[in-house]
Protein backbone atom coordinates (compact mmCIF):
# COMPACT_ATOMS: atom_id res chain seq x y z
CA MET A 1 33.29 -20.06 23.56
CA LYS A 2 33.54 -19.89 27.35
CA ASN A 3 31.23 -17.83 29.59
CA LEU A 4 33.78 -16.63 32.13
CA ASN A 5 31.18 -15.52 34.68
CA LYS A 6 29.65 -18.95 35.14
CA GLY A 7 32.17 -21.33 33.57
CA LEU A 8 29.47 -22.44 31.16
CA PRO A 9 30.47 -22.70 27.49
CA ASN A 10 28.31 -20.57 25.25
CA ASP A 11 25.53 -22.31 23.36
CA PRO A 12 26.95 -23.28 19.93
CA LEU A 13 23.69 -22.09 18.34
CA ASN A 14 23.70 -18.74 20.12
CA GLY A 15 22.50 -16.24 17.51
CA ILE A 16 22.74 -18.66 14.57
CA THR A 17 20.69 -21.38 12.92
CA ILE A 18 21.54 -25.03 12.40
CA ASN A 19 22.18 -24.24 8.75
CA GLU A 20 24.69 -21.54 9.72
CA LEU A 21 26.42 -23.90 12.15
CA GLY A 22 26.74 -26.41 9.31
CA LYS A 23 28.32 -23.71 7.16
CA LYS A 24 30.93 -23.16 9.87
CA PHE A 25 31.80 -26.85 9.69
CA ARG A 26 32.18 -26.67 5.92
CA ASP A 27 34.24 -23.46 6.09
CA ARG A 28 36.54 -25.15 8.67
CA LEU A 29 35.80 -22.41 11.22
CA ILE A 30 35.02 -25.00 13.88
CA THR A 31 35.00 -28.78 13.97
CA CYS A 32 32.14 -31.07 14.78
CA LYS A 33 34.22 -32.55 17.60
CA GLU A 34 34.71 -29.12 19.15
CA VAL A 35 30.98 -28.37 19.03
CA THR A 36 30.08 -31.80 20.38
CA SER A 37 32.55 -31.29 23.24
CA ILE A 38 30.84 -28.00 24.07
CA TYR A 39 27.45 -29.68 24.23
CA PHE A 40 28.76 -32.40 26.52
CA GLU A 41 30.36 -29.77 28.77
CA ARG A 42 27.07 -27.87 28.95
CA ILE A 43 25.27 -31.12 29.77
CA LYS A 44 27.74 -31.87 32.59
CA ILE A 45 27.13 -28.45 34.11
CA LEU A 46 23.40 -27.99 33.56
CA ASN A 47 21.91 -31.48 33.53
CA PRO A 48 22.28 -31.94 37.32
CA HIS A 49 19.95 -28.94 37.66
CA LEU A 50 17.59 -29.56 34.74
CA HIS A 51 17.54 -33.38 34.38
CA ALA A 52 16.89 -33.27 30.65
CA TYR A 53 19.00 -36.36 29.91
CA ILE A 54 18.67 -39.80 31.41
CA HIS A 55 21.71 -41.16 29.52
CA THR A 56 24.68 -39.72 27.63
CA ASN A 57 27.80 -41.28 26.13
CA GLU A 58 30.53 -38.70 25.73
CA GLU A 59 33.25 -41.14 24.69
CA LYS A 60 31.18 -42.59 21.86
CA GLY A 61 29.81 -39.18 20.88
CA LEU A 62 33.27 -37.66 20.46
CA ILE A 63 34.49 -40.66 18.43
CA TRP A 64 31.43 -40.23 16.25
CA ALA A 65 32.09 -36.49 15.85
CA ASP A 66 35.73 -37.10 14.98
CA GLY A 67 34.59 -39.48 12.25
CA ILE A 68 32.28 -36.80 10.83
CA ASP A 69 35.19 -34.35 10.75
CA LYS A 70 37.24 -36.88 8.79
CA LEU A 71 34.40 -37.21 6.27
CA PHE A 72 34.29 -33.44 5.90
CA SER A 73 38.05 -33.37 5.31
CA CYS A 74 37.62 -35.99 2.58
CA GLY A 75 35.04 -33.85 0.81
CA ILE A 76 32.10 -36.07 1.79
CA ASP A 77 28.95 -34.10 2.58
CA LEU A 78 25.90 -35.93 3.94
CA GLY A 79 23.69 -32.87 3.87
CA PRO A 80 22.60 -29.93 6.07
CA LEU A 81 22.33 -31.97 9.29
CA MET A 82 25.82 -33.46 9.03
CA GLY A 83 27.70 -33.00 12.31
CA ILE A 84 24.71 -31.59 14.22
CA PRO A 85 24.51 -32.92 17.83
CA ILE A 86 21.00 -34.05 18.79
CA ALA A 87 19.02 -35.74 21.57
CA ILE A 88 16.63 -38.68 21.29
CA LYS A 89 13.59 -39.33 23.49
CA ASP A 90 14.02 -42.39 25.67
CA ILE A 91 11.24 -44.40 24.05
CA CYS A 92 13.27 -44.60 20.84
CA SER A 93 15.86 -47.35 20.56
CA VAL A 94 19.43 -46.32 19.78
CA ASN A 95 22.11 -48.96 19.34
CA GLY A 96 24.52 -48.96 22.27
CA MET A 97 22.24 -46.89 24.51
CA PRO A 98 19.68 -48.13 27.05
CA THR A 99 15.96 -47.70 26.41
CA THR A 100 14.01 -47.44 29.67
CA ASN A 101 10.80 -45.93 28.27
CA GLY A 102 10.82 -43.75 31.37
CA SER A 103 10.03 -46.75 33.56
CA GLN A 104 11.59 -48.96 36.20
CA ILE A 105 9.89 -51.87 34.42
CA LYS A 106 12.05 -53.60 31.82
CA SER A 107 10.37 -52.96 28.47
CA ASP A 108 13.10 -52.39 25.89
CA ASP A 109 12.01 -55.54 24.09
CA ILE A 110 8.66 -53.86 23.38
CA SER A 111 10.40 -50.88 21.76
CA GLY A 112 12.46 -53.29 19.72
CA PRO A 113 15.76 -52.69 17.90
CA GLU A 114 16.88 -49.35 16.50
CA GLY A 115 14.36 -48.23 13.89
CA ASN A 116 14.34 -46.36 10.62
CA LEU A 117 13.96 -42.91 12.16
CA VAL A 118 17.18 -43.10 14.17
CA ARG A 119 19.01 -44.87 11.35
CA ARG A 120 17.98 -42.11 8.95
CA LEU A 121 19.26 -39.41 11.31
CA LYS A 122 22.55 -41.25 11.63
CA SER A 123 22.84 -41.56 7.85
CA LEU A 124 22.39 -37.79 7.62
CA GLY A 125 25.42 -37.36 9.90
CA CYS A 126 23.69 -36.37 13.14
CA ILE A 127 25.61 -36.94 16.38
CA ILE A 128 23.43 -38.51 19.08
CA LEU A 129 24.41 -37.02 22.43
CA GLY A 130 22.11 -39.20 24.48
CA LYS A 131 18.58 -40.14 25.54
CA THR A 132 16.18 -37.66 27.15
CA HIS A 133 13.68 -38.12 29.95
CA THR A 134 10.10 -38.99 29.14
CA VAL A 135 6.85 -39.58 30.96
CA GLU A 136 6.58 -43.31 31.65
CA PHE A 137 5.69 -45.09 28.39
CA ALA A 138 4.98 -41.64 26.91
CA LEU A 139 1.54 -41.71 28.54
CA GLY A 140 1.18 -38.26 30.06
CA ALA A 141 1.06 -34.58 29.14
CA THR A 142 2.50 -32.90 32.23
CA GLY A 143 6.03 -34.29 31.96
CA LEU A 144 5.96 -35.67 35.50
CA ASN A 145 7.69 -38.99 36.21
CA LYS A 146 7.60 -40.27 39.81
CA TYR A 147 10.36 -42.88 39.49
CA LYS A 148 12.74 -41.69 36.77
CA GLY A 149 12.53 -38.01 37.61
CA THR A 150 10.89 -34.91 36.16
CA PRO A 151 12.98 -32.44 34.14
CA LYS A 152 12.88 -28.87 35.37
CA ASN A 153 11.31 -26.25 33.14
CA PRO A 154 14.23 -23.88 32.39
CA TRP A 155 12.06 -20.75 32.54
CA ASP A 156 11.93 -20.68 36.34
CA GLU A 157 15.07 -21.20 38.36
CA ASN A 158 13.22 -20.79 41.66
CA LYS A 159 10.29 -23.19 41.28
CA HIS A 160 10.16 -26.66 39.76
CA ARG A 161 7.56 -26.21 37.02
CA MET A 162 6.26 -28.95 34.78
CA PRO A 163 8.14 -29.30 31.49
CA GLY A 164 5.18 -30.76 29.62
CA GLY A 165 5.08 -34.26 28.28
CA SER A 166 5.61 -36.72 27.29
CA SER A 167 8.73 -35.49 25.40
CA SER A 168 9.78 -33.58 28.51
CA GLY A 169 13.56 -33.98 28.41
CA SER A 170 13.74 -33.37 24.67
CA ALA A 171 12.08 -29.97 25.05
CA VAL A 172 14.16 -28.97 28.07
CA ALA A 173 17.38 -30.00 26.28
CA VAL A 174 16.59 -27.85 23.25
CA ALA A 175 15.37 -24.83 25.23
CA SER A 176 18.48 -24.98 27.44
CA GLY A 177 21.02 -25.35 24.65
CA LEU A 178 21.87 -28.96 25.54
CA ALA A 179 21.17 -30.19 21.99
CA ALA A 180 20.82 -28.53 18.61
CA PHE A 181 17.46 -30.25 18.21
CA ALA A 182 15.71 -33.26 19.65
CA ILE A 183 13.35 -36.01 18.62
CA GLY A 184 10.06 -36.46 20.44
CA THR A 185 6.89 -38.39 19.80
CA ASP A 186 3.31 -37.14 19.76
CA THR A 187 0.33 -39.40 20.45
CA GLY A 188 -1.92 -36.79 22.03
CA GLY A 189 0.29 -33.71 22.08
CA SER A 190 3.61 -34.98 23.41
CA VAL A 191 5.73 -32.85 21.05
CA ARG A 192 3.56 -29.75 21.00
CA ILE A 193 2.82 -29.55 24.74
CA PRO A 194 6.46 -29.48 25.95
CA ALA A 195 7.33 -27.17 23.06
CA SER A 196 4.62 -24.79 24.23
CA LEU A 197 5.61 -24.89 27.91
CA ASN A 198 9.34 -24.49 27.16
CA GLY A 199 9.06 -21.71 24.58
CA ILE A 200 10.34 -23.61 21.55
CA VAL A 201 8.91 -25.03 18.32
CA GLY A 202 7.43 -28.52 18.10
CA LEU A 203 6.10 -30.24 14.97
CA LYS A 204 3.50 -33.00 15.13
CA THR A 205 3.80 -34.78 11.83
CA THR A 206 0.97 -36.47 9.97
CA LYS A 207 0.70 -40.16 10.79
CA ASN A 208 3.12 -42.23 8.67
CA ARG A 209 5.18 -39.26 7.46
CA TRP A 210 7.95 -40.46 9.81
CA PRO A 211 8.40 -44.13 10.78
CA THR A 212 7.59 -45.49 14.24
CA ASP A 213 9.48 -48.79 14.26
CA GLY A 214 12.01 -48.92 17.09
CA ILE A 215 9.74 -46.69 19.21
CA PHE A 216 7.61 -47.85 22.14
CA PRO A 217 4.16 -48.47 20.60
CA LEU A 218 1.96 -46.48 22.96
CA SER A 219 -0.68 -46.28 20.23
CA PRO A 220 0.10 -47.52 16.71
CA THR A 221 -3.09 -45.74 15.63
CA LEU A 222 -2.02 -42.30 16.85
CA ASP A 223 1.78 -42.28 17.42
CA THR A 224 3.72 -39.72 15.38
CA PRO A 225 7.42 -38.79 15.82
CA GLY A 226 8.50 -35.19 15.33
CA PRO A 227 11.30 -32.68 15.92
CA LEU A 228 11.63 -30.10 18.67
CA ALA A 229 13.81 -27.13 17.73
CA ARG A 230 14.51 -23.63 18.95
CA ASN A 231 12.98 -21.88 15.93
CA VAL A 232 10.99 -22.57 12.78
CA LYS A 233 13.97 -22.10 10.45
CA ASP A 234 15.66 -25.04 12.13
CA THR A 235 12.42 -27.04 12.15
CA LYS A 236 12.01 -26.56 8.41
CA LEU A 237 15.61 -27.59 7.75
CA ILE A 238 15.22 -30.73 9.87
CA PHE A 239 11.92 -31.74 8.30
CA ASP A 240 12.94 -31.03 4.72
CA THR A 241 16.33 -32.71 5.09
CA TYR A 242 14.90 -35.80 6.73
CA ASN A 243 12.29 -36.09 3.96
CA GLY A 244 14.83 -35.49 1.22
CA THR A 245 13.02 -32.37 0.03
CA THR A 246 15.21 -30.42 -2.36
CA LYS A 247 12.88 -27.99 -4.11
CA ASN A 248 12.35 -24.52 -2.70
CA GLN A 249 8.74 -24.15 -1.64
CA GLN A 250 6.99 -20.89 -2.33
CA ALA A 251 6.99 -18.64 0.73
CA ILE A 252 3.59 -18.13 2.30
CA LYS A 253 2.19 -14.63 2.70
CA LEU A 254 0.16 -14.34 5.88
CA GLU A 255 -1.99 -11.58 4.42
CA ASN A 256 -3.39 -14.03 1.89
CA MET A 257 -4.28 -16.70 4.46
CA ASN A 258 -7.69 -17.76 5.71
CA PHE A 259 -7.56 -18.94 9.33
CA GLY A 260 -10.20 -20.71 11.35
CA LYS A 261 -9.96 -19.46 14.94
CA LEU A 262 -10.99 -22.38 17.12
CA LYS A 263 -13.45 -21.60 19.89
CA GLU A 264 -14.92 -23.97 22.49
CA PRO A 265 -13.63 -26.40 23.65
CA PHE A 266 -10.23 -25.01 22.59
CA THR A 267 -10.82 -21.73 24.44
CA SER A 268 -12.32 -23.30 27.56
CA ASN A 269 -10.31 -23.14 30.80
CA LEU A 270 -7.63 -20.80 29.44
CA ASP A 271 -5.17 -19.05 31.73
CA VAL A 272 -5.67 -15.29 31.54
CA GLU A 273 -2.29 -14.72 29.90
CA VAL A 274 -2.87 -17.55 27.40
CA ALA A 275 -6.21 -16.03 26.38
CA GLU A 276 -4.62 -12.59 26.06
CA ALA A 277 -1.73 -13.83 23.90
CA PHE A 278 -4.14 -15.75 21.65
CA GLU A 279 -6.26 -12.64 21.10
CA ILE A 280 -3.18 -10.54 20.36
CA ILE A 281 -1.83 -12.92 17.70
CA SER A 282 -5.30 -13.23 16.16
CA SER A 283 -5.55 -9.44 15.93
CA LYS A 284 -2.06 -9.15 14.46
CA LEU A 285 -2.90 -11.66 11.74
CA GLU A 286 -6.12 -9.81 10.98
CA ASN A 287 -4.31 -6.46 10.86
CA LEU A 288 -1.87 -7.97 8.36
CA GLY A 289 -4.80 -8.73 6.08
CA ALA A 290 -5.43 -12.39 6.92
CA THR A 291 -9.01 -13.55 7.24
CA ILE A 292 -9.93 -14.80 10.71
CA GLU A 293 -13.21 -16.61 11.31
CA ASP A 294 -14.44 -18.22 14.52
CA VAL A 295 -14.88 -21.97 14.23
CA ILE A 296 -16.53 -24.45 16.57
CA ILE A 297 -15.75 -28.13 16.04
CA PRO A 298 -18.03 -30.08 18.38
CA GLU A 299 -16.32 -33.37 17.44
CA ALA A 300 -13.26 -32.20 19.39
CA ASN A 301 -15.11 -33.23 22.56
CA GLU A 302 -14.98 -36.85 21.41
CA LYS A 303 -11.36 -37.00 22.58
CA THR A 304 -12.61 -37.85 26.07
CA THR A 305 -14.03 -41.18 24.86
CA LEU A 306 -11.90 -42.03 21.83
CA PHE A 307 -8.47 -41.44 23.33
CA PRO A 308 -8.83 -43.76 26.35
CA ALA A 309 -10.51 -46.46 24.26
CA ILE A 310 -7.77 -46.52 21.63
CA VAL A 311 -4.63 -45.70 23.63
CA GLY A 312 -5.64 -47.73 26.67
CA SER A 313 -6.32 -50.79 24.55
CA GLU A 314 -3.15 -50.45 22.49
CA ILE A 315 -0.70 -50.00 25.36
CA ILE A 316 -2.13 -53.13 27.02
CA SER A 317 -1.81 -54.92 23.70
CA ALA A 318 1.86 -53.90 23.57
CA PHE A 319 2.49 -55.51 26.97
CA GLY A 320 0.04 -58.38 26.80
CA VAL A 321 -2.63 -58.58 29.51
CA ASP A 322 -0.73 -60.92 31.83
CA ARG A 323 2.50 -58.93 31.68
CA PHE A 324 0.60 -55.68 32.15
CA ASN A 325 -1.28 -56.94 35.20
CA LYS A 326 1.96 -58.19 36.77
CA ASN A 327 3.65 -54.81 36.35
CA VAL A 328 0.95 -52.14 36.59
CA GLU A 329 1.46 -51.58 40.33
CA LYS A 330 5.13 -50.76 39.64
CA MET A 331 4.12 -47.96 37.29
CA ASP A 332 3.78 -44.29 38.10
CA PRO A 333 0.21 -44.10 39.54
CA VAL A 334 -0.90 -41.61 36.88
CA THR A 335 0.42 -43.81 34.06
CA GLY A 336 -0.95 -46.98 35.60
CA ASN A 337 -4.42 -45.56 36.19
CA ARG A 338 -4.64 -44.21 32.65
CA ALA A 339 -3.43 -47.46 31.11
CA LYS A 340 -5.80 -49.57 33.22
CA LEU A 341 -8.75 -47.92 31.49
CA GLY A 342 -7.92 -50.12 28.51
CA LEU A 343 -8.80 -53.22 30.50
CA LYS A 344 -12.42 -52.07 30.55
CA VAL A 345 -12.64 -51.58 26.78
CA SER A 346 -14.30 -54.40 24.87
CA SER A 347 -13.14 -55.42 21.41
CA PHE A 348 -16.41 -53.99 20.07
CA GLU A 349 -15.75 -50.61 21.71
CA TYR A 350 -12.18 -50.56 20.43
CA ILE A 351 -13.20 -51.28 16.82
CA LYS A 352 -16.00 -48.73 17.12
CA ALA A 353 -13.52 -46.08 18.29
CA LYS A 354 -11.08 -46.92 15.48
CA ASN A 355 -13.86 -46.65 12.88
CA ARG A 356 -14.94 -43.33 14.34
CA VAL A 357 -11.40 -41.97 13.93
CA ILE A 358 -11.54 -42.86 10.22
CA LYS A 359 -14.87 -41.05 9.87
CA LEU A 360 -13.58 -38.03 11.76
CA GLU A 361 -10.66 -37.67 9.35
CA ASN A 362 -13.16 -37.18 6.53
CA ILE A 363 -15.44 -34.90 8.54
CA ILE A 364 -12.65 -32.63 9.77
CA GLY A 365 -10.82 -32.71 6.44
CA LYS A 366 -13.61 -30.64 4.95
CA TYR A 367 -12.62 -27.65 7.09
CA PHE A 368 -9.41 -27.40 5.09
CA THR A 369 -11.29 -26.80 1.86
CA LYS A 370 -12.24 -23.44 3.39
CA TYR A 371 -9.37 -22.64 5.75
CA ASP A 372 -5.63 -22.72 5.16
CA ALA A 373 -5.15 -23.57 8.82
CA LEU A 374 -6.92 -23.71 12.14
CA ILE A 375 -5.38 -21.94 15.14
CA SER A 376 -5.73 -22.31 18.91
CA PRO A 377 -3.60 -22.02 22.03
CA THR A 378 -1.38 -25.11 22.20
CA THR A 379 -1.95 -25.54 25.92
CA VAL A 380 -4.69 -23.95 27.98
CA MET A 381 -2.22 -23.14 30.75
CA GLN A 382 1.34 -22.04 31.32
CA ALA A 383 3.73 -24.33 33.20
CA LEU A 384 2.28 -25.27 36.58
CA GLU A 385 4.36 -26.02 39.67
CA VAL A 386 5.20 -29.72 39.91
CA ASP A 387 4.38 -30.02 43.63
CA LYS A 388 0.89 -28.68 42.96
CA SER A 389 0.36 -30.91 39.91
CA ILE A 390 0.98 -34.31 41.48
CA ILE A 391 -1.85 -36.55 42.68
CA GLY A 392 -3.34 -34.80 45.71
CA GLY A 393 -1.89 -31.44 44.71
CA GLU A 394 -4.17 -28.42 44.53
CA LEU A 395 -3.65 -28.10 40.77
CA HIS A 396 -3.66 -31.80 39.87
CA GLU A 397 -7.06 -31.61 38.18
CA ARG A 398 -5.96 -28.48 36.35
CA SER A 399 -2.79 -30.21 35.12
CA LEU A 400 -4.91 -32.89 33.41
CA PHE A 401 -6.05 -30.25 30.91
CA ALA A 402 -2.50 -30.04 29.46
CA SER A 403 -3.49 -32.09 26.40
CA ALA A 404 -7.02 -30.67 26.01
CA ASN A 405 -6.16 -28.73 22.84
CA THR A 406 -3.72 -31.18 21.29
CA GLN A 407 -5.47 -34.56 21.51
CA PRO A 408 -8.12 -33.67 18.89
CA VAL A 409 -5.40 -33.10 16.27
CA ASN A 410 -4.20 -36.70 16.66
CA ILE A 411 -7.71 -38.11 16.62
CA PHE A 412 -8.55 -36.08 13.50
CA GLY A 413 -5.44 -37.34 11.67
CA LEU A 414 -4.02 -33.83 11.15
CA CYS A 415 -0.60 -32.22 11.52
CA GLY A 416 0.24 -29.28 13.73
CA ILE A 417 3.04 -27.06 14.96
CA SER A 418 3.44 -25.10 18.18
CA PHE A 419 4.99 -21.65 17.91
CA PRO A 420 5.90 -19.46 20.95
CA ILE A 421 3.87 -16.25 21.37
CA HIS A 422 4.44 -15.23 25.00
CA ASN A 423 6.71 -12.38 23.89
CA LEU A 424 3.59 -10.61 22.57
CA LEU A 425 2.50 -9.84 26.12
CA ASN A 426 3.51 -6.49 27.53
CA ASN A 427 4.96 -7.79 30.77
CA LYS A 428 7.04 -5.19 32.59
CA ASP A 429 8.95 -7.55 34.88
CA ASN A 430 9.64 -10.01 32.02
CA LYS A 431 8.37 -12.94 34.09
CA THR A 432 5.90 -14.32 31.56
CA LEU A 433 6.18 -18.07 31.15
CA PRO A 434 6.02 -19.54 27.62
CA ILE A 435 2.76 -19.76 25.68
CA GLY A 436 2.32 -21.61 22.39
CA LEU A 437 0.15 -20.99 19.35
CA GLN A 438 -1.03 -24.21 17.71
CA ILE A 439 -1.21 -24.05 13.92
CA ILE A 440 -3.16 -27.00 12.53
CA CYS A 441 -3.18 -28.06 8.88
CA GLY A 442 -4.78 -30.89 6.96
CA LYS A 443 -3.55 -34.43 6.61
CA ASN A 444 -0.13 -34.54 4.88
CA GLU A 445 0.04 -30.73 4.80
CA ASP A 446 3.01 -30.71 7.16
CA GLU A 447 5.08 -28.53 4.84
CA LYS A 448 2.29 -25.95 4.77
CA ALA A 449 2.09 -25.86 8.58
CA VAL A 450 5.84 -25.27 8.76
CA GLU A 451 5.68 -22.53 6.11
CA ILE A 452 2.88 -20.71 7.95
CA ALA A 453 4.88 -20.87 11.18
CA LEU A 454 7.99 -19.65 9.31
CA ALA A 455 6.07 -16.67 7.92
CA LEU A 456 4.92 -15.93 11.46
CA GLU A 457 8.49 -16.16 12.75
CA ASN A 458 9.72 -13.82 10.02
CA TYR A 459 7.00 -11.38 11.06
CA LEU A 460 7.35 -11.59 14.85
CA GLY A 461 11.00 -12.56 15.20
CA GLU A 462 12.58 -15.72 16.59
CA PRO A 463 11.42 -17.01 19.97
CA GLN A 464 13.21 -15.93 23.12
CA LEU A 465 15.16 -18.55 25.08
CA PRO A 466 15.52 -18.92 28.86
CA GLU A 467 18.60 -17.66 30.73
CA VAL A 468 19.88 -21.01 31.94
CA SER A 469 22.94 -19.48 33.61
CA LYS A 470 20.56 -18.55 36.45
CA PHE A 471 20.55 -22.20 37.47
CA LEU A 472 24.25 -22.10 38.32
């Protein structure tokens, strides 16, 4: 599995799904240890260029993989994810691995011990390769991290473009073939945004579908873990296996679907190519026979007041006021300034915001009595250059719109999935950066969102992946 031109081992998932890789394990065509070794070799070669991982443990990973192979040889099968090498966002505690929360400030005690999500993945036989970079305390949508480093978007080998955040390293690892899939968290778009900007699939689960213990509590009200994967087939396998779903769900036919096409504010400030791709996919769905109706949800604008009131208050609560004040100047300025907004929120304002979120769930839930799903661009822009996105950069204000279309989904208590659609553009020089379509479904309709995205993938084909050998 060696690429002789670059010395880079071929991606173990090149041309196959996670399910098919698992079948190779079971047919004894390749061992888990061999595949894990390949991933570690790819990490050694590519991570110095891409900075997806902040920590890996090859020795422990290979021992782990060898143990999985022994279980296979004994006829023990833990399910479809057994032996699959994965990455974990560095706000999730993993026994034997450091948890920095993307910060130079010691805060692993706030994340706490390894939680149920990681334990569940281990019990399913997943091999944890390491921890991936994150925006400090997961509070940021661009993926930039002043002190711990910013992963490089793998779609441009010449310019350092933002990877999206806060699950920046997780998305870069998956897009670059440095993990079969990765775990991220989504408080205001932190799975969907990096998925969109890196050309992969990211699922924001409904609150409480997946546990959050053992994860830095940026916002207990809004935090939701979720998988990042290279295609929807893998995403469905991960989600169903984790949830213990065994029954075959009925395939969705796009021609029978009724979609609400979100307008302002979801179509405000769009890049030209993002707007074009969104119109193309809308037309394709309509041509298939799906019903597309324009929808305006004015309550989406409430994100500008509700998000700072809730998240700002809850991150300060996680630290405690005294500890926060002692450490805020050591934080990335963007993180620190956003978190400090919580100091200005009174208890009355916080409770008022929390109550409004409960009301919004009921108000927005009514849209799903009419529509199977709502659709919008995941991000209003493609990946911006990092140097232009930092404080003082010419595109800094523009970069702050990265979560404009994703935050409302969290505040409304919905689920959503980002699916790549940049390949729909007729770009002659093939230089189009990734663009995501956000498919939004009602509360606890995660399976439906995945099935719609799967139908779309079956119709359009699997997403393209970047040519990471260009970095060598």
